[in-house]
Protein backbone atom coordinates (compact mmCIF):
# COMPACT_ATOMS: atom_id res chain seq x y z
CA UNK A 1 16.18 2.42 -8.58
CA UNK A 2 16.72 3.21 -4.88
CA UNK A 3 14.53 6.11 -5.01
CA UNK A 4 11.62 3.98 -6.39
CA UNK A 5 12.15 1.32 -3.69
CA UNK A 6 12.15 4.02 -1.00
CA UNK A 7 8.99 5.43 -2.46
CA UNK A 8 7.09 2.09 -2.31
CA UNK A 9 8.51 1.46 1.25
CA UNK A 10 7.16 4.85 2.30
CA UNK A 11 3.73 4.12 0.68
CA UNK A 12 3.55 0.84 2.43
CA UNK A 13 4.26 2.41 5.79
CA UNK A 14 1.52 5.03 5.14
CA UNK A 15 -1.01 2.28 4.31
CA UNK A 16 -0.22 0.39 7.48
CA UNK A 17 -0.72 3.61 9.54
CA UNK A 18 -4.03 4.10 7.89
CA UNK A 19 -5.06 0.58 8.61
CA UNK A 20 -4.10 0.92 12.25
CA UNK A 21 -5.89 4.23 12.69
CA UNK A 22 -9.01 2.86 10.99
CA UNK A 23 -9.02 -0.25 13.15
CA UNK A 24 -8.51 1.58 16.45
CA UNK A 25 -10.71 4.65 15.83
CA UNK A 26 -13.63 3.42 13.50
CA UNK A 27 -13.57 -0.34 13.93
CA UNK A 28 -15.67 -3.06 12.21
CA UNK A 29 -17.20 -2.15 8.91
CA UNK A 30 -14.94 0.86 8.12
CA UNK A 31 -11.79 -1.39 8.69
CA UNK A 32 -13.10 -3.99 6.23
CA UNK A 33 -13.74 -1.46 3.50
CA UNK A 34 -10.40 0.17 4.17
CA UNK A 35 -8.57 -3.19 4.06
CA UNK A 36 -10.23 -3.90 0.63
CA UNK A 37 -8.89 -0.57 -0.61
CA UNK A 38 -5.48 -1.05 0.84
CA UNK A 39 -5.12 -4.57 -0.61
CA UNK A 40 -6.13 -3.29 -4.04
CA UNK A 41 -3.64 -0.45 -3.82
CA UNK A 42 -0.80 -2.75 -2.79
CA UNK A 43 -1.62 -5.16 -5.63
CA UNK A 44 -1.55 -2.27 -8.12
CA UNK A 45 1.77 -0.83 -6.60
CA UNK A 46 3.36 -4.34 -6.60
CA UNK A 47 2.38 -4.87 -10.27
CA UNK A 48 3.82 -1.44 -11.23
CA UNK A 49 7.14 -2.18 -9.25
CA UNK A 50 7.53 -5.48 -11.05
CA UNK A 51 6.80 -3.94 -14.38
CA UNK A 52 9.39 -1.18 -13.80
CA UNK A 53 11.93 -3.75 -12.67
CA UNK A 54 11.35 -5.91 -15.76
CA UNK A 55 11.71 -2.86 -18.15
CA UNK A 56 14.88 -1.94 -16.39
CA UNK A 57 14.13 1.64 -15.49
């Protein structure tokens, strides 16, 4: 389970970096679309994490 937790933390850090780069380089409209993508990705990853924890893998 530690590998899975580390993976999700790594993905979260990568998504934060993508948001920061988009905000400072592209700005406005691109940041909003990237924010929508990242929020959907985080919801999906959180759902997968909870599912795996409940199944006991």
